[in-house]
C-alpha cells in the first residue's frame, strides 16, 4: 500500500463527512479497520500513513 493511496482514502473520507456520510469501517489489502466514528477511522489511517512513510525512508544515506 502506497502513502498516496492512504492520502486519497483519507481525503475521500473527509468528502464523505462533508456530504453527510459517516463511514467508520475500511478494508484494503487484508487490512481491516473498524472504529466508532469516522474521525477515529481517519486518525487510524493517518497513523498507518505515518508508519508507511517512515518505513519507506532509507536507513542511511
N, C-alpha and C. Protein backbone atom coordinates (compact mmCIF):
# COMPACT_ATOMS: atom_id res chain seq x y z
N UNK A 1 0.84 -1.17 0.00
CA UNK A 1 0.00 0.00 0.00
C UNK A 1 0.90 1.24 0.00
N UNK A 2 0.59 2.15 -0.85
CA UNK A 2 1.37 3.37 -1.00
C UNK A 2 0.82 4.49 -0.12
N UNK A 3 1.69 5.41 0.22
CA UNK A 3 1.29 6.57 1.02
C UNK A 3 0.25 7.40 0.28
N UNK A 4 0.41 7.53 -1.04
CA UNK A 4 -0.55 8.30 -1.83
C UNK A 4 -1.93 7.66 -1.79
N UNK A 5 -1.98 6.32 -1.78
CA UNK A 5 -3.27 5.62 -1.69
C UNK A 5 -3.96 5.97 -0.38
N UNK A 6 -3.21 5.95 0.71
CA UNK A 6 -3.80 6.25 2.01
C UNK A 6 -4.26 7.70 2.06
N UNK A 7 -3.45 8.59 1.49
CA UNK A 7 -3.83 10.01 1.45
C UNK A 7 -5.14 10.21 0.68
N UNK A 8 -5.29 9.49 -0.42
CA UNK A 8 -6.53 9.57 -1.21
C UNK A 8 -7.72 9.05 -0.41
N UNK A 9 -7.52 7.97 0.31
CA UNK A 9 -8.59 7.40 1.14
C UNK A 9 -9.00 8.38 2.23
N UNK A 10 -8.01 9.00 2.88
CA UNK A 10 -8.30 9.98 3.93
C UNK A 10 -9.09 11.16 3.37
N UNK A 11 -8.63 11.68 2.24
CA UNK A 11 -9.34 12.81 1.61
C UNK A 11 -10.76 12.43 1.21
N UNK A 12 -10.93 11.22 0.73
CA UNK A 12 -12.26 10.74 0.35
C UNK A 12 -13.17 10.68 1.57
N UNK A 13 -12.64 10.22 2.70
CA UNK A 13 -13.45 10.16 3.92
C UNK A 13 -13.85 11.56 4.40
N UNK A 14 -12.96 12.54 4.22
CA UNK A 14 -13.33 13.92 4.56
C UNK A 14 -14.47 14.42 3.67
N UNK A 15 -14.43 14.08 2.40
CA UNK A 15 -15.51 14.47 1.47
C UNK A 15 -16.82 13.80 1.88
N UNK A 16 -16.75 12.51 2.24
CA UNK A 16 -17.95 11.82 2.71
C UNK A 16 -18.54 12.51 3.93
N UNK A 17 -17.67 12.86 4.89
CA UNK A 17 -18.15 13.55 6.09
C UNK A 17 -18.81 14.87 5.74
N UNK A 18 -18.19 15.60 4.84
CA UNK A 18 -18.73 16.90 4.43
C UNK A 18 -20.11 16.75 3.80
N UNK A 19 -20.32 15.63 3.10
CA UNK A 19 -21.60 15.39 2.43
C UNK A 19 -22.59 14.63 3.31
N UNK A 20 -22.23 14.39 4.57
CA UNK A 20 -23.16 13.76 5.49
C UNK A 20 -23.09 12.26 5.59
N UNK A 21 -22.13 11.63 4.93
CA UNK A 21 -21.97 10.18 5.01
C UNK A 21 -20.93 9.85 6.07
N UNK A 22 -21.28 8.96 6.97
CA UNK A 22 -20.37 8.57 8.04
C UNK A 22 -19.92 7.13 7.83
N UNK A 23 -18.68 6.96 7.44
CA UNK A 23 -18.10 5.65 7.23
C UNK A 23 -17.12 5.40 8.37
N UNK A 24 -17.32 4.31 9.10
CA UNK A 24 -16.45 4.02 10.23
C UNK A 24 -15.73 2.68 10.07
N UNK A 25 -15.79 2.12 8.85
CA UNK A 25 -15.13 0.84 8.59
C UNK A 25 -14.43 0.92 7.24
N UNK A 26 -13.24 0.33 7.17
CA UNK A 26 -12.46 0.39 5.94
C UNK A 26 -11.64 -0.89 5.82
N UNK A 27 -11.48 -1.40 4.59
CA UNK A 27 -10.68 -2.60 4.37
C UNK A 27 -9.99 -2.51 3.02
N UNK A 28 -8.68 -2.85 3.02
CA UNK A 28 -7.90 -2.87 1.78
C UNK A 28 -6.65 -3.71 2.00
N UNK A 29 -6.31 -4.52 1.04
CA UNK A 29 -5.10 -5.34 1.09
C UNK A 29 -5.01 -6.17 2.37
N UNK A 30 -6.13 -6.69 2.82
CA UNK A 30 -6.14 -7.54 4.01
C UNK A 30 -6.10 -6.78 5.32
N UNK A 31 -6.12 -5.46 5.27
CA UNK A 31 -6.14 -4.64 6.47
C UNK A 31 -7.56 -4.14 6.67
N UNK A 32 -8.12 -4.45 7.84
CA UNK A 32 -9.49 -4.02 8.13
C UNK A 32 -9.46 -3.15 9.39
N UNK A 33 -10.08 -1.99 9.29
CA UNK A 33 -10.14 -1.06 10.42
C UNK A 33 -11.61 -0.73 10.66
N UNK A 34 -12.03 -0.86 11.90
CA UNK A 34 -13.40 -0.50 12.28
C UNK A 34 -13.32 0.32 13.56
N UNK A 35 -13.86 1.51 13.52
CA UNK A 35 -13.85 2.42 14.66
C UNK A 35 -15.26 2.92 14.95
N UNK A 36 -15.44 3.53 16.10
CA UNK A 36 -16.76 4.01 16.49
C UNK A 36 -17.22 5.21 15.69
N UNK A 37 -16.27 6.03 15.24
CA UNK A 37 -16.66 7.22 14.49
C UNK A 37 -15.75 7.39 13.27
N UNK A 38 -16.22 8.13 12.27
CA UNK A 38 -15.40 8.39 11.09
C UNK A 38 -14.10 9.11 11.43
N UNK A 39 -14.14 10.00 12.42
CA UNK A 39 -12.92 10.73 12.79
C UNK A 39 -11.88 9.80 13.41
N UNK A 40 -12.33 8.82 14.19
CA UNK A 40 -11.40 7.82 14.73
C UNK A 40 -10.79 7.00 13.60
N UNK A 41 -11.59 6.68 12.61
CA UNK A 41 -11.09 5.93 11.45
C UNK A 41 -10.04 6.75 10.71
N UNK A 42 -10.31 8.04 10.50
CA UNK A 42 -9.35 8.91 9.81
C UNK A 42 -8.06 9.02 10.62
N UNK A 43 -8.17 9.12 11.95
CA UNK A 43 -6.97 9.16 12.80
C UNK A 43 -6.14 7.90 12.63
N UNK A 44 -6.81 6.76 12.58
CA UNK A 44 -6.10 5.49 12.42
C UNK A 44 -5.42 5.41 11.05
N UNK A 45 -6.10 5.89 10.01
CA UNK A 45 -5.50 5.92 8.68
C UNK A 45 -4.29 6.85 8.64
N UNK A 46 -4.36 7.96 9.37
CA UNK A 46 -3.21 8.87 9.46
C UNK A 46 -2.02 8.18 10.10
N UNK A 47 -2.27 7.38 11.15
CA UNK A 47 -1.19 6.63 11.80
C UNK A 47 -0.55 5.64 10.83
N UNK A 48 -1.39 4.95 10.05
CA UNK A 48 -0.87 3.99 9.07
C UNK A 48 -0.05 4.72 8.02
N UNK A 49 -0.52 5.89 7.59
CA UNK A 49 0.22 6.68 6.61
C UNK A 49 1.58 7.07 7.17
N UNK A 50 1.63 7.53 8.41
CA UNK A 50 2.89 7.91 9.04
C UNK A 50 3.85 6.72 9.12
N UNK A 51 3.33 5.56 9.50
CA UNK A 51 4.17 4.36 9.58
C UNK A 51 4.70 3.97 8.21
N UNK A 52 3.86 4.10 7.20
CA UNK A 52 4.26 3.77 5.83
C UNK A 52 5.35 4.72 5.36
N UNK A 53 5.22 6.01 5.68
CA UNK A 53 6.23 7.00 5.30
C UNK A 53 7.56 6.69 5.97
N UNK A 54 7.51 6.37 7.25
CA UNK A 54 8.74 6.10 8.00
C UNK A 54 9.42 4.83 7.50
N UNK A 55 8.63 3.81 7.14
CA UNK A 55 9.23 2.56 6.70
C UNK A 55 9.78 2.66 5.28
N UNK A 56 9.36 3.66 4.51
CA UNK A 56 9.85 3.80 3.15
C UNK A 56 11.11 4.67 3.07
N UNK A 57 11.47 5.32 4.17
CA UNK A 57 12.67 6.14 4.18
C UNK A 57 13.92 5.26 4.27
N UNK A 58 14.99 5.66 3.60
CA UNK A 58 16.22 4.88 3.70
C UNK A 58 16.79 4.94 5.12
N UNK A 59 17.43 3.86 5.54
CA UNK A 59 18.01 3.80 6.87
C UNK A 59 19.24 4.69 6.95
N UNK A 60 20.05 4.69 5.90
CA UNK A 60 21.23 5.56 5.88
C UNK A 60 21.45 6.10 4.48
N UNK A 61 22.22 7.16 4.41
CA UNK A 61 22.47 7.81 3.13
C UNK A 61 23.91 7.59 2.75
